[in-house]
């Protein structure tokens, strides 16, 4: 759903910022696009 994608996108951003692993930024952008 749009909501589940937004929730997980936010989690991915948090994970990317805390871990430095950019794969989570790419995934967050995808999930944000889906939600939009």
ModelCIF file with pLDDT and N, C-alpha, C, O atoms, coordinates in Angstrom:
data_MODEL
#
_entry.id   MODEL 
#
_entity.id                         1 
_entity.type                       polymer 
_entity.pdbx_number_of_molecules   1 
#
_entity_poly.entity_id                      1 
_entity_poly.type                           'polypeptide(L)' 
_entity_poly.nstd_linkage                   no 
_entity_poly.nstd_monomer                   no 
_entity_poly.pdbx_seq_one_letter_code       
;(UNK)(UNK)(UNK)(UNK)(UNK)(UNK)(UNK)(UNK)(UNK)(UNK)(UNK)(UNK)(UNK)(UNK)(UNK)(UNK)
(UNK)(UNK)(UNK)(UNK)(UNK)(UNK)(UNK)(UNK)(UNK)(UNK)(UNK)(UNK)(UNK)(UNK)(UNK)(UNK)
(UNK)(UNK)(UNK)(UNK)
;
_entity_poly.pdbx_seq_one_letter_code_can   XXXXXXXXXXXXXXXXXXXXXXXXXXXXXXXXXXXX 
_entity_poly.pdbx_strand_id                 A 
#
loop_
_entity_poly_seq.entity_id 
_entity_poly_seq.num 
_entity_poly_seq.mon_id 
_entity_poly_seq.hetero 
1 1  UNK n 
1 2  UNK n 
1 3  UNK n 
1 4  UNK n 
1 5  UNK n 
1 6  UNK n 
1 7  UNK n 
1 8  UNK n 
1 9  UNK n 
1 10 UNK n 
1 11 UNK n 
1 12 UNK n 
1 13 UNK n 
1 14 UNK n 
1 15 UNK n 
1 16 UNK n 
1 17 UNK n 
1 18 UNK n 
1 19 UNK n 
1 20 UNK n 
1 21 UNK n 
1 22 UNK n 
1 23 UNK n 
1 24 UNK n 
1 25 UNK n 
1 26 UNK n 
1 27 UNK n 
1 28 UNK n 
1 29 UNK n 
1 30 UNK n 
1 31 UNK n 
1 32 UNK n 
1 33 UNK n 
1 34 UNK n 
1 35 UNK n 
1 36 UNK n 
#
_struct_asym.id          A 
_struct_asym.entity_id   1 
#
loop_
_ma_qa_metric.id 
_ma_qa_metric.mode 
_ma_qa_metric.name 
_ma_qa_metric.software_group_id 
_ma_qa_metric.type 
1 global pLDDT . pLDDT 
2 local  pLDDT . pLDDT 
#
_ma_qa_metric_global.metric_id      1 
_ma_qa_metric_global.metric_value   94.19 
_ma_qa_metric_global.model_id       1 
_ma_qa_metric_global.ordinal_id     1 
#
loop_
_ma_qa_metric_local.label_asym_id 
_ma_qa_metric_local.label_comp_id 
_ma_qa_metric_local.label_seq_id 
_ma_qa_metric_local.metric_id 
_ma_qa_metric_local.metric_value 
_ma_qa_metric_local.model_id 
_ma_qa_metric_local.ordinal_id 
A UNK 1  2 90.00 1 1  
A UNK 2  2 92.00 1 2  
A UNK 3  2 91.00 1 3  
A UNK 4  2 91.00 1 4  
A UNK 5  2 94.00 1 5  
A UNK 6  2 93.00 1 6  
A UNK 7  2 91.00 1 7  
A UNK 8  2 94.00 1 8  
A UNK 9  2 95.00 1 9  
A UNK 10 2 92.00 1 10 
A UNK 11 2 93.00 1 11 
A UNK 12 2 95.00 1 12 
A UNK 13 2 94.00 1 13 
A UNK 14 2 91.00 1 14 
A UNK 15 2 93.00 1 15 
A UNK 16 2 94.00 1 16 
A UNK 17 2 92.00 1 17 
A UNK 18 2 91.00 1 18 
A UNK 19 2 92.00 1 19 
A UNK 20 2 94.00 1 20 
A UNK 21 2 95.00 1 21 
A UNK 22 2 95.00 1 22 
A UNK 23 2 96.00 1 23 
A UNK 24 2 97.00 1 24 
A UNK 25 2 96.00 1 25 
A UNK 26 2 96.00 1 26 
A UNK 27 2 97.00 1 27 
A UNK 28 2 97.00 1 28 
A UNK 29 2 97.00 1 29 
A UNK 30 2 97.00 1 30 
A UNK 31 2 97.00 1 31 
A UNK 32 2 97.00 1 32 
A UNK 33 2 97.00 1 33 
A UNK 34 2 96.00 1 34 
A UNK 35 2 94.00 1 35 
A UNK 36 2 95.00 1 36 
#
loop_
_atom_site.group_PDB 
_atom_site.id 
_atom_site.type_symbol 
_atom_site.label_atom_id 
_atom_site.label_alt_id 
_atom_site.label_comp_id 
_atom_site.label_asym_id 
_atom_site.label_entity_id 
_atom_site.label_seq_id 
_atom_site.pdbx_PDB_ins_code 
_atom_site.Cartn_x 
_atom_site.Cartn_y 
_atom_site.Cartn_z 
_atom_site.occupancy 
_atom_site.B_iso_or_equiv 
_atom_site.pdbx_formal_charge 
_atom_site.auth_seq_id 
_atom_site.auth_comp_id 
_atom_site.auth_asym_id 
_atom_site.auth_atom_id 
_atom_site.pdbx_PDB_model_num 
ATOM 1   N N  . UNK A 1 1  ? 0.860  -1.183 0.000  1.00 90.00 ? 1  UNK A N  1 
ATOM 2   C CA . UNK A 1 1  ? 0.000  0.000  0.000  1.00 90.00 ? 1  UNK A CA 1 
ATOM 3   C C  . UNK A 1 1  ? 0.892  1.227  0.000  1.00 90.00 ? 1  UNK A C  1 
ATOM 4   O O  . UNK A 1 1  ? 2.095  1.134  0.241  1.00 90.00 ? 1  UNK A O  1 
ATOM 5   N N  . UNK A 1 2  ? 0.293  2.381  -0.273 1.00 92.00 ? 2  UNK A N  1 
ATOM 6   C CA . UNK A 1 2  ? 1.063  3.629  -0.210 1.00 92.00 ? 2  UNK A CA 1 
ATOM 7   C C  . UNK A 1 2  ? 1.611  3.822  1.200  1.00 92.00 ? 2  UNK A C  1 
ATOM 8   O O  . UNK A 1 2  ? 2.756  4.239  1.371  1.00 92.00 ? 2  UNK A O  1 
ATOM 9   N N  . UNK A 1 3  ? 0.803  3.524  2.199  1.00 91.00 ? 3  UNK A N  1 
ATOM 10  C CA . UNK A 1 3  ? 1.235  3.700  3.587  1.00 91.00 ? 3  UNK A CA 1 
ATOM 11  C C  . UNK A 1 3  ? 2.389  2.774  3.950  1.00 91.00 ? 3  UNK A C  1 
ATOM 12  O O  . UNK A 1 3  ? 3.356  3.209  4.576  1.00 91.00 ? 3  UNK A O  1 
ATOM 13  N N  . UNK A 1 4  ? 2.299  1.503  3.564  1.00 91.00 ? 4  UNK A N  1 
ATOM 14  C CA . UNK A 1 4  ? 3.391  0.579  3.899  1.00 91.00 ? 4  UNK A CA 1 
ATOM 15  C C  . UNK A 1 4  ? 4.672  0.986  3.178  1.00 91.00 ? 4  UNK A C  1 
ATOM 16  O O  . UNK A 1 4  ? 5.763  0.843  3.731  1.00 91.00 ? 4  UNK A O  1 
ATOM 17  N N  . UNK A 1 5  ? 4.551  1.488  1.956  1.00 94.00 ? 5  UNK A N  1 
ATOM 18  C CA . UNK A 1 5  ? 5.736  1.955  1.226  1.00 94.00 ? 5  UNK A CA 1 
ATOM 19  C C  . UNK A 1 5  ? 6.358  3.171  1.907  1.00 94.00 ? 5  UNK A C  1 
ATOM 20  O O  . UNK A 1 5  ? 7.579  3.251  2.036  1.00 94.00 ? 5  UNK A O  1 
ATOM 21  N N  . UNK A 1 6  ? 5.527  4.116  2.344  1.00 93.00 ? 6  UNK A N  1 
ATOM 22  C CA . UNK A 1 6  ? 6.060  5.296  3.043  1.00 93.00 ? 6  UNK A CA 1 
ATOM 23  C C  . UNK A 1 6  ? 6.713  4.919  4.364  1.00 93.00 ? 6  UNK A C  1 
ATOM 24  O O  . UNK A 1 6  ? 7.788  5.423  4.689  1.00 93.00 ? 6  UNK A O  1 
ATOM 25  N N  . UNK A 1 7  ? 6.082  4.045  5.121  1.00 91.00 ? 7  UNK A N  1 
ATOM 26  C CA . UNK A 1 7  ? 6.651  3.617  6.396  1.00 91.00 ? 7  UNK A CA 1 
ATOM 27  C C  . UNK A 1 7  ? 8.014  2.962  6.188  1.00 91.00 ? 7  UNK A C  1 
ATOM 28  O O  . UNK A 1 7  ? 8.971  3.259  6.902  1.00 91.00 ? 7  UNK A O  1 
ATOM 29  N N  . UNK A 1 8  ? 8.089  2.072  5.208  1.00 94.00 ? 8  UNK A N  1 
ATOM 30  C CA . UNK A 1 8  ? 9.347  1.383  4.961  1.00 94.00 ? 8  UNK A CA 1 
ATOM 31  C C  . UNK A 1 8  ? 10.388 2.297  4.329  1.00 94.00 ? 8  UNK A C  1 
ATOM 32  O O  . UNK A 1 8  ? 11.583 2.124  4.571  1.00 94.00 ? 8  UNK A O  1 
ATOM 33  N N  . UNK A 1 9  ? 9.961  3.262  3.528  1.00 95.00 ? 9  UNK A N  1 
ATOM 34  C CA . UNK A 1 9  ? 10.900 4.247  2.977  1.00 95.00 ? 9  UNK A CA 1 
ATOM 35  C C  . UNK A 1 9  ? 11.540 5.049  4.105  1.00 95.00 ? 9  UNK A C  1 
ATOM 36  O O  . UNK A 1 9  ? 12.747 5.290  4.096  1.00 95.00 ? 9  UNK A O  1 
ATOM 37  N N  . UNK A 1 10 ? 10.737 5.455  5.063  1.00 92.00 ? 10 UNK A N  1 
ATOM 38  C CA . UNK A 1 10 ? 11.267 6.200  6.214  1.00 92.00 ? 10 UNK A CA 1 
ATOM 39  C C  . UNK A 1 10 ? 12.249 5.334  7.005  1.00 92.00 ? 10 UNK A C  1 
ATOM 40  O O  . UNK A 1 10 ? 13.290 5.818  7.451  1.00 92.00 ? 10 UNK A O  1 
ATOM 41  N N  . UNK A 1 11 ? 11.916 4.065  7.175  1.00 93.00 ? 11 UNK A N  1 
ATOM 42  C CA . UNK A 1 11 ? 12.825 3.163  7.874  1.00 93.00 ? 11 UNK A CA 1 
ATOM 43  C C  . UNK A 1 11 ? 14.135 3.031  7.105  1.00 93.00 ? 11 UNK A C  1 
ATOM 44  O O  . UNK A 1 11 ? 15.213 3.034  7.700  1.00 93.00 ? 11 UNK A O  1 
ATOM 45  N N  . UNK A 1 12 ? 14.041 2.915  5.773  1.00 95.00 ? 12 UNK A N  1 
ATOM 46  C CA . UNK A 1 12 ? 15.242 2.781  4.940  1.00 95.00 ? 12 UNK A CA 1 
ATOM 47  C C  . UNK A 1 12 ? 16.141 4.011  5.053  1.00 95.00 ? 12 UNK A C  1 
ATOM 48  O O  . UNK A 1 12 ? 17.364 3.882  5.115  1.00 95.00 ? 12 UNK A O  1 
ATOM 49  N N  . UNK A 1 13 ? 15.550 5.187  5.081  1.00 94.00 ? 13 UNK A N  1 
ATOM 50  C CA . UNK A 1 13 ? 16.342 6.400  5.223  1.00 94.00 ? 13 UNK A CA 1 
ATOM 51  C C  . UNK A 1 13 ? 17.075 6.389  6.561  1.00 94.00 ? 13 UNK A C  1 
ATOM 52  O O  . UNK A 1 13 ? 18.264 6.699  6.633  1.00 94.00 ? 13 UNK A O  1 
ATOM 53  N N  . UNK A 1 14 ? 16.358 6.031  7.605  1.00 91.00 ? 14 UNK A N  1 
ATOM 54  C CA . UNK A 1 14 ? 16.972 5.940  8.924  1.00 91.00 ? 14 UNK A CA 1 
ATOM 55  C C  . UNK A 1 14 ? 18.119 4.928  8.910  1.00 91.00 ? 14 UNK A C  1 
ATOM 56  O O  . UNK A 1 14 ? 19.193 5.188  9.452  1.00 91.00 ? 14 UNK A O  1 
ATOM 57  N N  . UNK A 1 15 ? 17.884 3.792  8.294  1.00 93.00 ? 15 UNK A N  1 
ATOM 58  C CA . UNK A 1 15 ? 18.915 2.735  8.216  1.00 93.00 ? 15 UNK A CA 1 
ATOM 59  C C  . UNK A 1 15 ? 20.120 3.218  7.425  1.00 93.00 ? 15 UNK A C  1 
ATOM 60  O O  . UNK A 1 15 ? 21.258 2.982  7.830  1.00 93.00 ? 15 UNK A O  1 
ATOM 61  N N  . UNK A 1 16 ? 19.887 3.893  6.303  1.00 94.00 ? 16 UNK A N  1 
ATOM 62  C CA . UNK A 1 16 ? 20.994 4.399  5.480  1.00 94.00 ? 16 UNK A CA 1 
ATOM 63  C C  . UNK A 1 16 ? 21.828 5.410  6.256  1.00 94.00 ? 16 UNK A C  1 
ATOM 64  O O  . UNK A 1 16 ? 23.057 5.378  6.207  1.00 94.00 ? 16 UNK A O  1 
ATOM 65  N N  . UNK A 1 17 ? 21.161 6.300  6.968  1.00 92.00 ? 17 UNK A N  1 
ATOM 66  C CA . UNK A 1 17 ? 21.882 7.327  7.727  1.00 92.00 ? 17 UNK A CA 1 
ATOM 67  C C  . UNK A 1 17 ? 22.664 6.730  8.888  1.00 92.00 ? 17 UNK A C  1 
ATOM 68  O O  . UNK A 1 17 ? 23.747 7.210  9.221  1.00 92.00 ? 17 UNK A O  1 
ATOM 69  N N  . UNK A 1 18 ? 22.130 5.703  9.493  1.00 91.00 ? 18 UNK A N  1 
ATOM 70  C CA . UNK A 1 18 ? 22.815 5.086  10.630 1.00 91.00 ? 18 UNK A CA 1 
ATOM 71  C C  . UNK A 1 18 ? 23.918 4.123  10.218 1.00 91.00 ? 18 UNK A C  1 
ATOM 72  O O  . UNK A 1 18 ? 24.891 3.945  10.950 1.00 91.00 ? 18 UNK A O  1 
ATOM 73  N N  . UNK A 1 19 ? 23.777 3.502  9.056  1.00 92.00 ? 19 UNK A N  1 
ATOM 74  C CA . UNK A 1 19 ? 24.746 2.486  8.633  1.00 92.00 ? 19 UNK A CA 1 
ATOM 75  C C  . UNK A 1 19 ? 25.719 2.980  7.567  1.00 92.00 ? 19 UNK A C  1 
ATOM 76  O O  . UNK A 1 19 ? 26.805 2.422  7.405  1.00 92.00 ? 19 UNK A O  1 
ATOM 77  N N  . UNK A 1 20 ? 25.329 4.024  6.842  1.00 94.00 ? 20 UNK A N  1 
ATOM 78  C CA . UNK A 1 20 ? 26.153 4.485  5.725  1.00 94.00 ? 20 UNK A CA 1 
ATOM 79  C C  . UNK A 1 20 ? 25.986 3.638  4.473  1.00 94.00 ? 20 UNK A C  1 
ATOM 80  O O  . UNK A 1 20 ? 26.720 3.821  3.502  1.00 94.00 ? 20 UNK A O  1 
ATOM 81  N N  . UNK A 1 21 ? 25.041 2.722  4.479  1.00 95.00 ? 21 UNK A N  1 
ATOM 82  C CA . UNK A 1 21 ? 24.808 1.806  3.357  1.00 95.00 ? 21 UNK A CA 1 
ATOM 83  C C  . UNK A 1 21 ? 23.801 2.429  2.386  1.00 95.00 ? 21 UNK A C  1 
ATOM 84  O O  . UNK A 1 21 ? 22.610 2.526  2.684  1.00 95.00 ? 21 UNK A O  1 
ATOM 85  N N  . UNK A 1 22 ? 24.296 2.844  1.235  1.00 95.00 ? 22 UNK A N  1 
ATOM 86  C CA . UNK A 1 22 ? 23.477 3.587  0.277  1.00 95.00 ? 22 UNK A CA 1 
ATOM 87  C C  . UNK A 1 22 ? 22.396 2.748  -0.391 1.00 95.00 ? 22 UNK A C  1 
ATOM 88  O O  . UNK A 1 22 ? 21.476 3.304  -0.992 1.00 95.00 ? 22 UNK A O  1 
ATOM 89  N N  . UNK A 1 23 ? 22.482 1.434  -0.303 1.00 96.00 ? 23 UNK A N  1 
ATOM 90  C CA . UNK A 1 23 ? 21.429 0.617  -0.932 1.00 96.00 ? 23 UNK A CA 1 
ATOM 91  C C  . UNK A 1 23 ? 20.054 0.982  -0.356 1.00 96.00 ? 23 UNK A C  1 
ATOM 92  O O  . UNK A 1 23 ? 19.040 0.909  -1.050 1.00 96.00 ? 23 UNK A O  1 
ATOM 93  N N  . UNK A 1 24 ? 20.039 1.375  0.921  1.00 97.00 ? 24 UNK A N  1 
ATOM 94  C CA . UNK A 1 24 ? 18.772 1.728  1.567  1.00 97.00 ? 24 UNK A CA 1 
ATOM 95  C C  . UNK A 1 24 ? 18.235 3.059  1.053  1.00 97.00 ? 24 UNK A C  1 
ATOM 96  O O  . UNK A 1 24 ? 17.024 3.282  1.066  1.00 97.00 ? 24 UNK A O  1 
ATOM 97  N N  . UNK A 1 25 ? 19.120 3.945  0.601  1.00 96.00 ? 25 UNK A N  1 
ATOM 98  C CA . UNK A 1 25 ? 18.666 5.189  -0.040 1.00 96.00 ? 25 UNK A CA 1 
ATOM 99  C C  . UNK A 1 25 ? 17.982 4.874  -1.369 1.00 96.00 ? 25 UNK A C  1 
ATOM 100 O O  . UNK A 1 25 ? 16.930 5.430  -1.682 1.00 96.00 ? 25 UNK A O  1 
ATOM 101 N N  . UNK A 1 26 ? 18.590 3.977  -2.147 1.00 96.00 ? 26 UNK A N  1 
ATOM 102 C CA . UNK A 1 26 ? 17.998 3.581  -3.427 1.00 96.00 ? 26 UNK A CA 1 
ATOM 103 C C  . UNK A 1 26 ? 16.631 2.948  -3.215 1.00 96.00 ? 26 UNK A C  1 
ATOM 104 O O  . UNK A 1 26 ? 15.683 3.245  -3.942 1.00 96.00 ? 26 UNK A O  1 
ATOM 105 N N  . UNK A 1 27 ? 16.531 2.089  -2.233 1.00 97.00 ? 27 UNK A N  1 
ATOM 106 C CA . UNK A 1 27 ? 15.258 1.432  -1.946 1.00 97.00 ? 27 UNK A CA 1 
ATOM 107 C C  . UNK A 1 27 ? 14.236 2.456  -1.464 1.00 97.00 ? 27 UNK A C  1 
ATOM 108 O O  . UNK A 1 27 ? 13.073 2.410  -1.866 1.00 97.00 ? 27 UNK A O  1 
ATOM 109 N N  . UNK A 1 28 ? 14.666 3.382  -0.601 1.00 97.00 ? 28 UNK A N  1 
ATOM 110 C CA . UNK A 1 28 ? 13.751 4.420  -0.104 1.00 97.00 ? 28 UNK A CA 1 
ATOM 111 C C  . UNK A 1 28 ? 13.211 5.263  -1.243 1.00 97.00 ? 28 UNK A C  1 
ATOM 112 O O  . UNK A 1 28 ? 12.026 5.597  -1.255 1.00 97.00 ? 28 UNK A O  1 
ATOM 113 N N  . UNK A 1 29 ? 14.055 5.611  -2.198 1.00 97.00 ? 29 UNK A N  1 
ATOM 114 C CA . UNK A 1 29 ? 13.589 6.400  -3.349 1.00 97.00 ? 29 UNK A CA 1 
ATOM 115 C C  . UNK A 1 29 ? 12.545 5.626  -4.144 1.00 97.00 ? 29 UNK A C  1 
ATOM 116 O O  . UNK A 1 29 ? 11.563 6.204  -4.610 1.00 97.00 ? 29 UNK A O  1 
ATOM 117 N N  . UNK A 1 30 ? 12.750 4.337  -4.299 1.00 97.00 ? 30 UNK A N  1 
ATOM 118 C CA . UNK A 1 30 ? 11.782 3.499  -5.020 1.00 97.00 ? 30 UNK A CA 1 
ATOM 119 C C  . UNK A 1 30 ? 10.454 3.456  -4.280 1.00 97.00 ? 30 UNK A C  1 
ATOM 120 O O  . UNK A 1 30 ? 9.396  3.647  -4.880 1.00 97.00 ? 30 UNK A O  1 
ATOM 121 N N  . UNK A 1 31 ? 10.508 3.208  -2.988 1.00 97.00 ? 31 UNK A N  1 
ATOM 122 C CA . UNK A 1 31 ? 9.275  3.111  -2.197 1.00 97.00 ? 31 UNK A CA 1 
ATOM 123 C C  . UNK A 1 31 ? 8.549  4.450  -2.136 1.00 97.00 ? 31 UNK A C  1 
ATOM 124 O O  . UNK A 1 31 ? 7.319  4.488  -2.172 1.00 97.00 ? 31 UNK A O  1 
ATOM 125 N N  . UNK A 1 32 ? 9.291  5.540  -2.045 1.00 97.00 ? 32 UNK A N  1 
ATOM 126 C CA . UNK A 1 32 ? 8.675  6.874  -2.054 1.00 97.00 ? 32 UNK A CA 1 
ATOM 127 C C  . UNK A 1 32 ? 7.984  7.145  -3.382 1.00 97.00 ? 32 UNK A C  1 
ATOM 128 O O  . UNK A 1 32 ? 6.886  7.699  -3.419 1.00 97.00 ? 32 UNK A O  1 
ATOM 129 N N  . UNK A 1 33 ? 8.630  6.753  -4.464 1.00 97.00 ? 33 UNK A N  1 
ATOM 130 C CA . UNK A 1 33 ? 8.025  6.920  -5.786 1.00 97.00 ? 33 UNK A CA 1 
ATOM 131 C C  . UNK A 1 33 ? 6.709  6.146  -5.880 1.00 97.00 ? 33 UNK A C  1 
ATOM 132 O O  . UNK A 1 33 ? 5.713  6.668  -6.379 1.00 97.00 ? 33 UNK A O  1 
ATOM 133 N N  . UNK A 1 34 ? 6.709  4.918  -5.406 1.00 96.00 ? 34 UNK A N  1 
ATOM 134 C CA . UNK A 1 34 ? 5.487  4.105  -5.435 1.00 96.00 ? 34 UNK A CA 1 
ATOM 135 C C  . UNK A 1 34 ? 4.380  4.795  -4.641 1.00 96.00 ? 34 UNK A C  1 
ATOM 136 O O  . UNK A 1 34 ? 3.249  4.906  -5.113 1.00 96.00 ? 34 UNK A O  1 
ATOM 137 N N  . UNK A 1 35 ? 4.706  5.253  -3.448 1.00 94.00 ? 35 UNK A N  1 
ATOM 138 C CA . UNK A 1 35 ? 3.697  5.908  -2.597 1.00 94.00 ? 35 UNK A CA 1 
ATOM 139 C C  . UNK A 1 35 ? 3.156  7.167  -3.261 1.00 94.00 ? 35 UNK A C  1 
ATOM 140 O O  . UNK A 1 35 ? 1.951  7.416  -3.222 1.00 94.00 ? 35 UNK A O  1 
ATOM 141 N N  . UNK A 1 36 ? 4.027  7.961  -3.868 1.00 95.00 ? 36 UNK A N  1 
ATOM 142 C CA . UNK A 1 36 ? 3.581  9.184  -4.541 1.00 95.00 ? 36 UNK A CA 1 
ATOM 143 C C  . UNK A 1 36 ? 2.672  8.867  -5.726 1.00 95.00 ? 36 UNK A C  1 
ATOM 144 O O  . UNK A 1 36 ? 2.204  9.780  -6.407 1.00 95.00 ? 36 UNK A O  1 
#
